C-alpha atoms as a PDB file:
ATOM      1  CA  UNK A   1       0.000   0.000   0.000  1.00  0.00           C
ATOM      2  CA  UNK A   2       1.495   3.345  -1.022  1.00  0.00           C
ATOM      3  CA  UNK A   3       1.618   6.433   1.192  1.00  0.00           C
ATOM      4  CA  UNK A   4      -1.269   8.133  -0.600  1.00  0.00           C
ATOM      5  CA  UNK A   5      -3.617   5.233   0.101  1.00  0.00           C
ATOM      6  CA  UNK A   6      -2.513   5.193   3.741  1.00  0.00           C
ATOM      7  CA  UNK A   7      -3.407   8.882   4.019  1.00  0.00           C
ATOM      8  CA  UNK A   8      -7.047   8.257   3.119  1.00  0.00           C
ATOM      9  CA  UNK A   9      -9.478   7.879   6.048  1.00  0.00           C
ATOM     10  CA  UNK A  10     -10.621   4.432   7.181  1.00  0.00           C
ATOM     11  CA  UNK A  11     -12.813   5.149  10.208  1.00  0.00           C
ATOM     12  CA  UNK A  12     -15.789   2.873  10.828  1.00  0.00           C
ATOM     13  CA  UNK A  13     -19.097   4.100   9.425  1.00  0.00           C
ATOM     14  CA  UNK A  14     -20.739   4.433  12.867  1.00  0.00           C
ATOM     15  CA  UNK A  15     -17.823   6.499  14.169  1.00  0.00           C
ATOM     16  CA  UNK A  16     -18.061   8.772  11.137  1.00  0.00           C
ATOM     17  CA  UNK A  17     -21.827   9.232  11.620  1.00  0.00           C
ATOM     18  CA  UNK A  18     -21.369  10.128  15.277  1.00  0.00           C
ATOM     19  CA  UNK A  19     -18.616  12.626  14.473  1.00  0.00           C
ATOM     20  CA  UNK A  20     -20.688  14.192  11.708  1.00  0.00           C
ATOM     21  CA  UNK A  21     -23.657  14.637  14.046  1.00  0.00           C
ATOM     22  CA  UNK A  22     -21.394  16.123  16.725  1.00  0.00           C
ATOM     23  CA  UNK A  23     -19.907  18.601  14.245  1.00  0.00           C
ATOM     24  CA  UNK A  24     -23.366  19.635  13.037  1.00  0.00           C
ATOM     25  CA  UNK A  25     -24.558  20.152  16.611  1.00  0.00           C
ATOM     26  CA  UNK A  26     -21.545  22.306  17.453  1.00  0.00           C
ATOM     27  CA  UNK A  27     -21.957  24.361  14.289  1.00  0.00           C
ATOM     28  CA  UNK A  28     -25.547  25.070  15.271  1.00  0.00           C
ATOM     29  CA  UNK A  29     -24.470  26.053  18.790  1.00  0.00           C
ATOM     30  CA  UNK A  30     -21.930  28.454  17.254  1.00  0.00           C
ATOM     31  CA  UNK A  31     -24.602  29.798  14.877  1.00  0.00           C
ATOM     32  CA  UNK A  32     -22.402  28.791  11.948  1.00  0.00           C
ATOM     33  CA  UNK A  33     -24.428  25.982  10.402  1.00  0.00           C
ATOM     34  CA  UNK A  34     -24.820  27.935   7.156  1.00  0.00           C
ATOM     35  CA  UNK A  35     -21.455  29.705   7.025  1.00  0.00           C
ATOM     36  CA  UNK A  36     -17.961  28.840   5.889  1.00  0.00           C
ATOM     37  CA  UNK A  37     -15.824  29.002   9.036  1.00  0.00           C
ATOM     38  CA  UNK A  38     -12.342  29.817   7.685  1.00  0.00           C
ATOM     39  CA  UNK A  39     -10.158  31.784  10.083  1.00  0.00           C
ATOM     40  CA  UNK A  40     -13.206  32.604  12.240  1.00  0.00           C
ATOM     41  CA  UNK A  41     -12.234  29.298  13.865  1.00  0.00           C
ATOM     42  CA  UNK A  42      -9.790  31.259  16.039  1.00  0.00           C
ATOM     43  CA  UNK A  43     -12.680  33.296  17.471  1.00  0.00           C
ATOM     44  CA  UNK A  44     -14.541  30.103  18.301  1.00  0.00           C
ATOM     45  CA  UNK A  45     -11.419  28.643  19.892  1.00  0.00           C
ATOM     46  CA  UNK A  46     -10.994  31.798  22.000  1.00  0.00           C
ATOM     47  CA  UNK A  47     -14.543  31.370  23.308  1.00  0.00           C
ATOM     48  CA  UNK A  48     -13.629  27.962  24.716  1.00  0.00           C
ATOM     49  CA  UNK A  49      -9.992  28.314  25.753  1.00  0.00           C
ATOM     50  CA  UNK A  50      -7.141  30.694  26.409  1.00  0.00           C
ATOM     51  CA  UNK A  51      -5.469  30.846  23.007  1.00  0.00           C
ATOM     52  CA  UNK A  52      -1.715  31.061  22.674  1.00  0.00           C
ATOM     53  CA  UNK A  53      -0.189  31.762  19.268  1.00  0.00           C
ATOM     54  CA  UNK A  54       3.567  31.489  18.942  1.00  0.00           C
ATOM     55  CA  UNK A  55       6.064  30.761  16.126  1.00  0.00           C
ATOM     56  CA  UNK A  56       7.909  27.682  17.362  1.00  0.00           C
ATOM     57  CA  UNK A  57      11.228  26.841  15.749  1.00  0.00           C
ATOM     58  CA  UNK A  58      10.085  23.220  15.311  1.00  0.00           C
ATOM     59  CA  UNK A  59       7.470  22.937  12.575  1.00  0.00           C
ATOM     60  CA  UNK A  60       6.715  19.301  13.362  1.00  0.00           C
ATOM     61  CA  UNK A  61       4.905  20.545  16.485  1.00  0.00           C
ATOM     62  CA  UNK A  62       1.665  22.107  15.297  1.00  0.00           C
ATOM     63  CA  UNK A  63       0.066  22.826  18.665  1.00  0.00           C
ATOM     64  CA  UNK A  64      -1.157  21.506  21.982  1.00  0.00           C
ATOM     65  CA  UNK A  65      -4.120  21.542  24.354  1.00  0.00           C
ATOM     66  CA  UNK A  66      -3.723  21.534  28.127  1.00  0.00           C
ATOM     67  CA  UNK A  67      -5.168  22.616  31.457  1.00  0.00           C
ATOM     68  CA  UNK A  68      -3.705  24.702  34.266  1.00  0.00           C
ATOM     69  CA  UNK A  69      -5.616  25.555  37.426  1.00  0.00           C
ATOM     70  CA  UNK A  70      -8.874  24.413  35.775  1.00  0.00           C
ATOM     71  CA  UNK A  71      -8.318  26.742  32.817  1.00  0.00           C
ATOM     72  CA  UNK A  72      -8.088  25.339  29.302  1.00  0.00           C
ATOM     73  CA  UNK A  73      -5.204  26.499  27.122  1.00  0.00           C
ATOM     74  CA  UNK A  74      -4.786  25.882  23.405  1.00  0.00           C
ATOM     75  CA  UNK A  75      -1.619  26.706  21.526  1.00  0.00           C
ATOM     76  CA  UNK A  76      -0.991  26.917  17.793  1.00  0.00           C
ATOM     77  CA  UNK A  77       2.382  27.104  16.110  1.00  0.00           C
ATOM     78  CA  UNK A  78       2.327  30.123  13.800  1.00  0.00           C
ATOM     79  CA  UNK A  79       5.443  28.916  12.004  1.00  0.00           C
ATOM     80  CA  UNK A  80       3.089  26.841   9.859  1.00  0.00           C
ATOM     81  CA  UNK A  81       0.834  28.282   7.109  1.00  0.00           C
ATOM     82  CA  UNK A  82      -2.522  29.853   7.993  1.00  0.00           C
ATOM     83  CA  UNK A  83      -4.577  27.038   6.450  1.00  0.00           C
ATOM     84  CA  UNK A  84      -2.719  24.510   8.619  1.00  0.00           C
ATOM     85  CA  UNK A  85      -3.336  26.690  11.694  1.00  0.00           C
ATOM     86  CA  UNK A  86      -7.059  26.757  10.869  1.00  0.00           C
ATOM     87  CA  UNK A  87      -7.189  22.964  10.693  1.00  0.00           C
ATOM     88  CA  UNK A  88      -5.224  22.600  13.948  1.00  0.00           C
ATOM     89  CA  UNK A  89      -7.639  24.978  15.700  1.00  0.00           C
ATOM     90  CA  UNK A  90     -10.628  22.848  14.684  1.00  0.00           C
ATOM     91  CA  UNK A  91      -8.711  19.708  15.676  1.00  0.00           C
ATOM     92  CA  UNK A  92      -8.066  21.228  19.116  1.00  0.00           C
ATOM     93  CA  UNK A  93     -11.745  22.064  19.567  1.00  0.00           C
ATOM     94  CA  UNK A  94     -12.526  18.355  19.294  1.00  0.00           C
ATOM     95  CA  UNK A  95     -10.192  17.599  22.194  1.00  0.00           C
ATOM     96  CA  UNK A  96     -11.623  20.479  24.250  1.00  0.00           C
ATOM     97  CA  UNK A  97     -15.259  19.612  23.606  1.00  0.00           C
ATOM     98  CA  UNK A  98     -15.258  15.833  23.602  1.00  0.00           C
ATOM     99  CA  UNK A  99     -12.426  14.257  25.575  1.00  0.00           C
ATOM    100  CA  UNK A 100     -10.716  16.987  27.568  1.00  0.00           C
ATOM    101  CA  UNK A 101      -7.351  15.353  27.132  1.00  0.00           C
ATOM    102  CA  UNK A 102      -4.052  17.157  27.172  1.00  0.00           C
ATOM    103  CA  UNK A 103      -2.625  16.630  23.710  1.00  0.00           C
ATOM    104  CA  UNK A 104       0.583  17.500  21.908  1.00  0.00           C
ATOM    105  CA  UNK A 105      -0.401  17.767  18.253  1.00  0.00           C
ATOM    106  CA  UNK A 106       2.280  16.855  15.740  1.00  0.00           C
ATOM    107  CA  UNK A 107       2.236  17.248  11.982  1.00  0.00           C
ATOM    108  CA  UNK A 108       2.099  13.461  11.589  1.00  0.00           C
ATOM    109  CA  UNK A 109      -1.091  13.366  13.687  1.00  0.00           C
ATOM    110  CA  UNK A 110      -2.858  15.714  11.265  1.00  0.00           C
ATOM    111  CA  UNK A 111      -1.557  14.040   8.129  1.00  0.00           C
ATOM    112  CA  UNK A 112      -1.604  10.388   9.208  1.00  0.00           C
ATOM    113  CA  UNK A 113      -3.912   7.426   9.822  1.00  0.00           C
ATOM    114  CA  UNK A 114      -3.850   4.371  12.049  1.00  0.00           C
ATOM    115  CA  UNK A 115      -1.699   2.515   9.527  1.00  0.00           C
ATOM    116  CA  UNK A 116       1.207   4.881  10.094  1.00  0.00           C
ATOM    117  CA  UNK A 117       0.904   5.266  13.842  1.00  0.00           C
ATOM    118  CA  UNK A 118      -1.750   7.929  14.306  1.00  0.00           C
ATOM    119  CA  UNK A 119      -4.066   7.042  17.203  1.00  0.00           C
ATOM    120  CA  UNK A 120      -7.788   6.540  16.734  1.00  0.00           C
ATOM    121  CA  UNK A 121      -8.447   9.595  18.895  1.00  0.00           C
ATOM    122  CA  UNK A 122      -6.344  11.809  16.613  1.00  0.00           C
ATOM    123  CA  UNK A 123      -8.043  10.382  13.522  1.00  0.00           C
ATOM    124  CA  UNK A 124     -11.412  11.225  15.071  1.00  0.00           C
ATOM    125  CA  UNK A 125     -10.208  14.762  15.850  1.00  0.00           C
ATOM    126  CA  UNK A 126      -9.104  15.139  12.232  1.00  0.00           C
ATOM    127  CA  UNK A 127     -12.454  13.932  10.913  1.00  0.00           C
ATOM    128  CA  UNK A 128     -14.279  16.317  13.243  1.00  0.00           C
ATOM    129  CA  UNK A 129     -12.111  19.208  12.025  1.00  0.00           C
ATOM    130  CA  UNK A 130     -12.916  18.308   8.416  1.00  0.00           C
ATOM    131  CA  UNK A 131     -16.660  18.063   9.111  1.00  0.00           C
ATOM    132  CA  UNK A 132     -16.639  21.318  11.084  1.00  0.00           C
ATOM    133  CA  UNK A 133     -14.603  23.367   8.602  1.00  0.00           C
ATOM    134  CA  UNK A 134     -15.921  21.888   5.351  1.00  0.00           C
ATOM    135  CA  UNK A 135     -19.603  21.106   5.706  1.00  0.00           C
ATOM    136  CA  UNK A 136     -20.818  18.767   2.976  1.00  0.00           C
ATOM    137  CA  UNK A 137     -23.685  21.005   1.845  1.00  0.00           C
ATOM    138  CA  UNK A 138     -21.461  24.085   1.655  1.00  0.00           C
ATOM    139  CA  UNK A 139     -18.802  22.107  -0.196  1.00  0.00           C
ATOM    140  CA  UNK A 140     -21.354  21.043  -2.782  1.00  0.00           C
ATOM    141  CA  UNK A 141     -22.539  24.648  -3.094  1.00  0.00           C
ATOM    142  CA  UNK A 142     -18.977  25.840  -3.797  1.00  0.00           C
ATOM    143  CA  UNK A 143     -18.523  23.103  -6.389  1.00  0.00           C
ATOM    144  CA  UNK A 144     -21.683  24.306  -8.115  1.00  0.00           C
ATOM    145  CA  UNK A 145     -20.575  27.939  -7.918  1.00  0.00           C
ATOM    146  CA  UNK A 146     -17.239  27.134  -9.558  1.00  0.00           C
ATOM    147  CA  UNK A 147     -19.000  24.942 -12.168  1.00  0.00           C
ATOM    148  CA  UNK A 148     -16.730  22.044 -11.195  1.00  0.00           C
ATOM    149  CA  UNK A 149     -17.504  18.628 -12.616  1.00  0.00           C
ATOM    150  CA  UNK A 150     -16.671  15.959  -9.987  1.00  0.00           C
ATOM    151  CA  UNK A 151     -15.302  13.506 -12.531  1.00  0.00           C
ATOM    152  CA  UNK A 152     -12.874  16.154 -13.770  1.00  0.00           C
ATOM    153  CA  UNK A 153     -11.638  17.496 -10.439  1.00  0.00           C
ATOM    154  CA  UNK A 154      -7.913  18.261 -10.630  1.00  0.00           C
ATOM    155  CA  UNK A 155      -5.361  20.385  -8.799  1.00  0.00           C
ATOM    156  CA  UNK A 156      -6.976  23.640  -9.927  1.00  0.00           C
ATOM    157  CA  UNK A 157     -10.390  22.717  -8.545  1.00  0.00           C
ATOM    158  CA  UNK A 158      -8.948  21.403  -5.272  1.00  0.00           C
ATOM    159  CA  UNK A 159      -7.003  24.627  -4.743  1.00  0.00           C
ATOM    160  CA  UNK A 160     -10.074  26.748  -5.520  1.00  0.00           C
ATOM    161  CA  UNK A 161     -12.072  24.859  -2.909  1.00  0.00           C
ATOM    162  CA  UNK A 162      -9.230  24.811  -0.375  1.00  0.00           C
ATOM    163  CA  UNK A 163      -8.907  28.580  -0.762  1.00  0.00           C
ATOM    164  CA  UNK A 164     -12.644  29.076  -0.217  1.00  0.00           C
ATOM    165  CA  UNK A 165     -12.592  27.122   3.052  1.00  0.00           C
ATOM    166  CA  UNK A 166      -9.045  28.122   4.184  1.00  0.00           C
ATOM    167  CA  UNK A 167      -7.903  24.519   4.586  1.00  0.00           C
ATOM    168  CA  UNK A 168      -4.796  22.707   3.307  1.00  0.00           C
ATOM    169  CA  UNK A 169      -4.763  21.213  -0.189  1.00  0.00           C
ATOM    170  CA  UNK A 170      -4.400  17.642   1.070  1.00  0.00           C
ATOM    171  CA  UNK A 171      -7.145  18.103   3.664  1.00  0.00           C
ATOM    172  CA  UNK A 172      -9.476  19.209   0.875  1.00  0.00           C
ATOM    173  CA  UNK A 173      -8.587  16.161  -1.217  1.00  0.00           C
ATOM    174  CA  UNK A 174      -9.462  13.904   1.730  1.00  0.00           C
ATOM    175  CA  UNK A 175     -12.699  15.810   2.323  1.00  0.00           C
ATOM    176  CA  UNK A 176     -13.744  15.391  -1.300  1.00  0.00           C
ATOM    177  CA  UNK A 177     -13.113  11.660  -0.905  1.00  0.00           C
ATOM    178  CA  UNK A 178     -14.941  11.478   2.450  1.00  0.00           C
ATOM    179  CA  UNK A 179     -18.026  13.119   0.927  1.00  0.00           C
ATOM    180  CA  UNK A 180     -17.857  10.729  -2.061  1.00  0.00           C
ATOM    181  CA  UNK A 181     -17.452  13.577  -4.517  1.00  0.00           C
ATOM    182  CA  UNK A 182     -14.281  11.975  -5.893  1.00  0.00           C
ATOM    183  CA  UNK A 183     -13.247   8.345  -6.078  1.00  0.00           C
ATOM    184  CA  UNK A 184     -10.392   6.698  -4.216  1.00  0.00           C
ATOM    185  CA  UNK A 185      -8.432   6.604  -7.487  1.00  0.00           C
ATOM    186  CA  UNK A 186      -8.897  10.356  -7.996  1.00  0.00           C
ATOM    187  CA  UNK A 187      -7.905  11.065  -4.408  1.00  0.00           C
ATOM    188  CA  UNK A 188      -4.730   9.021  -4.674  1.00  0.00           C
ATOM    189  CA  UNK A 189      -3.731  10.755  -7.899  1.00  0.00           C
ATOM    190  CA  UNK A 190      -4.301  14.190  -6.331  1.00  0.00           C
ATOM    191  CA  UNK A 191      -2.390  13.295  -3.166  1.00  0.00           C
ATOM    192  CA  UNK A 192       0.549  12.008  -5.204  1.00  0.00           C
ATOM    193  CA  UNK A 193       1.054  15.315  -7.021  1.00  0.00           C
ATOM    194  CA  UNK A 194       4.493  16.840  -6.238  1.00  0.00           C
ATOM    195  CA  UNK A 195       4.384  19.834  -3.894  1.00  0.00           C
ATOM    196  CA  UNK A 196       6.302  21.924  -6.418  1.00  0.00           C
ATOM    197  CA  UNK A 197       3.654  21.272  -9.079  1.00  0.00           C
ATOM    198  CA  UNK A 198       0.886  22.215  -6.631  1.00  0.00           C
ATOM    199  CA  UNK A 199       2.789  25.431  -5.835  1.00  0.00           C
ATOM    200  CA  UNK A 200       2.954  26.253  -9.550  1.00  0.00           C
ATOM    201  CA  UNK A 201      -0.834  26.092  -9.631  1.00  0.00           C
ATOM    202  CA  UNK A 202      -1.155  28.195  -6.477  1.00  0.00           C
ATOM    203  CA  UNK A 203       0.851  30.961  -8.121  1.00  0.00           C
ATOM    204  CA  UNK A 204      -0.976  30.537 -11.423  1.00  0.00           C
ATOM    205  CA  UNK A 205      -4.317  31.026  -9.646  1.00  0.00           C
ATOM    206  CA  UNK A 206      -3.019  34.020  -7.695  1.00  0.00           C
ATOM    207  CA  UNK A 207      -3.298  32.424  -4.256  1.00  0.00           C
ATOM    208  CA  UNK A 208       0.353  32.729  -3.340  1.00  0.00           C
ATOM    209  CA  UNK A 209       2.448  30.098  -1.587  1.00  0.00           C
ATOM    210  CA  UNK A 210       1.606  28.836   1.907  1.00  0.00           C
ATOM    211  CA  UNK A 211       3.658  30.797   4.408  1.00  0.00           C
ATOM    212  CA  UNK A 212       3.832  31.114   8.194  1.00  0.00           C
ATOM    213  CA  UNK A 213       2.083  34.055   9.831  1.00  0.00           C
ATOM    214  CA  UNK A 214       4.583  34.211  12.751  1.00  0.00           C
ATOM    215  CA  UNK A 215       1.827  35.805  14.818  1.00  0.00           C
ATOM    216  CA  UNK A 216       2.233  36.024  18.603  1.00  0.00           C
ATOM    217  CA  UNK A 217      -0.659  36.060  21.042  1.00  0.00           C
ATOM    218  CA  UNK A 218      -0.369  34.973  24.659  1.00  0.00           C
ATOM    219  CA  UNK A 219      -3.982  34.922  25.728  1.00  0.00           C
ATOM    220  CA  UNK A 220      -4.973  38.287  27.194  1.00  0.00           C
ATOM    221  CA  UNK A 221      -1.428  39.021  28.409  1.00  0.00           C
ATOM    222  CA  UNK A 222      -1.184  42.251  26.436  1.00  0.00           C
ATOM    223  CA  UNK A 223      -4.428  43.690  27.775  1.00  0.00           C
ATOM    224  CA  UNK A 224      -3.558  42.663  31.347  1.00  0.00           C
ATOM    225  CA  UNK A 225      -0.105  44.227  30.993  1.00  0.00           C
ATOM    226  CA  UNK A 226      -1.594  47.507  29.775  1.00  0.00           C
ATOM    227  CA  UNK A 227      -4.121  47.525  32.614  1.00  0.00           C
ATOM    228  CA  UNK A 228      -1.352  46.941  35.160  1.00  0.00           C
ATOM    229  CA  UNK A 229       0.724  49.750  33.660  1.00  0.00           C
ATOM    230  CA  UNK A 230      -2.218  52.142  33.618  1.00  0.00           C
ATOM    231  CA  UNK A 231      -2.698  51.806  37.383  1.00  0.00           C
ATOM    232  CA  UNK A 232       1.042  51.861  38.189  1.00  0.00           C
ATOM    233  CA  UNK A 233       1.359  48.186  39.123  1.00  0.00           C
ATOM    234  CA  UNK A 234       4.273  47.693  36.711  1.00  0.00           C
ATOM    235  CA  UNK A 235       6.952  50.015  35.367  1.00  0.00           C
ATOM    236  CA  UNK A 236       7.382  51.132  31.791  1.00  0.00           C
ATOM    237  CA  UNK A 237      10.474  48.910  31.519  1.00  0.00           C
ATOM    238  CA  UNK A 238       8.423  45.888  32.590  1.00  0.00           C
ATOM    239  CA  UNK A 239       5.695  46.801  30.121  1.00  0.00           C
ATOM    240  CA  UNK A 240       8.213  47.160  27.296  1.00  0.00           C
ATOM    241  CA  UNK A 241       9.593  43.715  28.138  1.00  0.00           C
ATOM    242  CA  UNK A 242       6.111  42.168  27.938  1.00  0.00           C
ATOM    243  CA  UNK A 243       5.420  43.986  24.673  1.00  0.00           C
ATOM    244  CA  UNK A 244       8.634  42.553  23.261  1.00  0.00           C
ATOM    245  CA  UNK A 245       7.484  39.031  24.169  1.00  0.00           C
ATOM    246  CA  UNK A 246       4.307  39.395  22.112  1.00  0.00           C
ATOM    247  CA  UNK A 247       6.073  41.246  19.293  1.00  0.00           C
ATOM    248  CA  UNK A 248       4.360  44.617  19.708  1.00  0.00           C
ATOM    249  CA  UNK A 249       6.158  47.962  19.437  1.00  0.00           C
ATOM    250  CA  UNK A 250       5.171  50.593  22.055  1.00  0.00           C
ATOM    251  CA  UNK A 251       4.217  53.108  19.362  1.00  0.00           C
ATOM    252  CA  UNK A 252       1.662  50.617  17.982  1.00  0.00           C
ATOM    253  CA  UNK A 253      -0.276  51.168  21.212  1.00  0.00           C
ATOM    254  CA  UNK A 254       0.259  54.925  21.215  1.00  0.00           C
ATOM    255  CA  UNK A 255       3.034  54.777  23.799  1.00  0.00           C
ATOM    256  CA  UNK A 256       5.779  57.363  23.180  1.00  0.00           C
ATOM    257  CA  UNK A 257       9.256  55.872  23.318  1.00  0.00           C
ATOM    258  CA  UNK A 258      10.594  58.669  25.511  1.00  0.00           C
ATOM    259  CA  UNK A 259       7.742  58.913  28.011  1.00  0.00           C
ATOM    260  CA  UNK A 260       8.023  57.190  31.388  1.00  0.00           C
ATOM    261  CA  UNK A 261       4.284  56.956  32.028  1.00  0.00           C
ATOM    262  CA  UNK A 262       1.513  57.143  29.474  1.00  0.00           C
ATOM    263  CA  UNK A 263      -1.913  55.992  30.516  1.00  0.00           C
ATOM    264  CA  UNK A 264      -5.081  55.111  28.698  1.00  0.00           C
ATOM    265  CA  UNK A 265      -8.541  55.615  30.074  1.00  0.00           C
ATOM    266  CA  UNK A 266     -10.799  52.535  30.097  1.00  0.00           C
ATOM    267  CA  UNK A 267     -12.786  53.837  27.126  1.00  0.00           C
ATOM    268  CA  UNK A 268      -9.656  53.977  24.951  1.00  0.00           C
ATOM    269  CA  UNK A 269      -9.023  57.709  25.101  1.00  0.00           C
ATOM    270  CA  UNK A 270      -5.438  58.745  25.707  1.00  0.00           C
ATOM    271  CA  UNK A 271      -4.494  60.453  28.920  1.00  0.00           C
ATOM    272  CA  UNK A 272      -1.427  61.082  31.086  1.00  0.00           C
END
């Protein structure tokens, strides 16, 4: 069995039905049953955890979910492309909502199956992420909008759909297979395409190449730091140090470089 066949999902039908129902229920709770989620997934994740975004040097670590003092934390590595971050966020929501486990999420967990060492729990999280981000009815609607013929789906069509839903190319191929829009043979052929060839099509379609966002966000650290500074609980030097951690320049918050104290009123108006 080649690697492309191993990458295709093989979950039991009952498990898939249960996951699909769970995803639909959560979409309704989030009032997103009729909307493409895309990068709004980060807003949903923030509603259910303290979100940490940080560009790790190791790109094989895509994120993690954990608890500290009964608070849930989710972390996403922003050294990976945005579409991968979106998928990881949905994957993490599965762990938060359904099993509450602390998980270190590796690239192989997102891309793999049981045959290459990925646990059943991670496969279920991946299927949930796919169902949540790429709803079958919305996928079919996009296919109709682009006038795509299922039997002729190629790299161009996959990239168009992946761009619409802000998900990785290979995740879209798997989703098209899961929803029986393409055959196993088509899926294997699409998964076997060289990355360089896929990149040529990305540029040809004007989507640009996948690139890391390098964004930094440490929960509400920045807001807490500003509040502490405004009421003289921390010095300007301490504030500048915290700003450096999250990659924010003082002038981006209206703080003069040469002023020792510069306060903001609660309503956002500047004041000394």
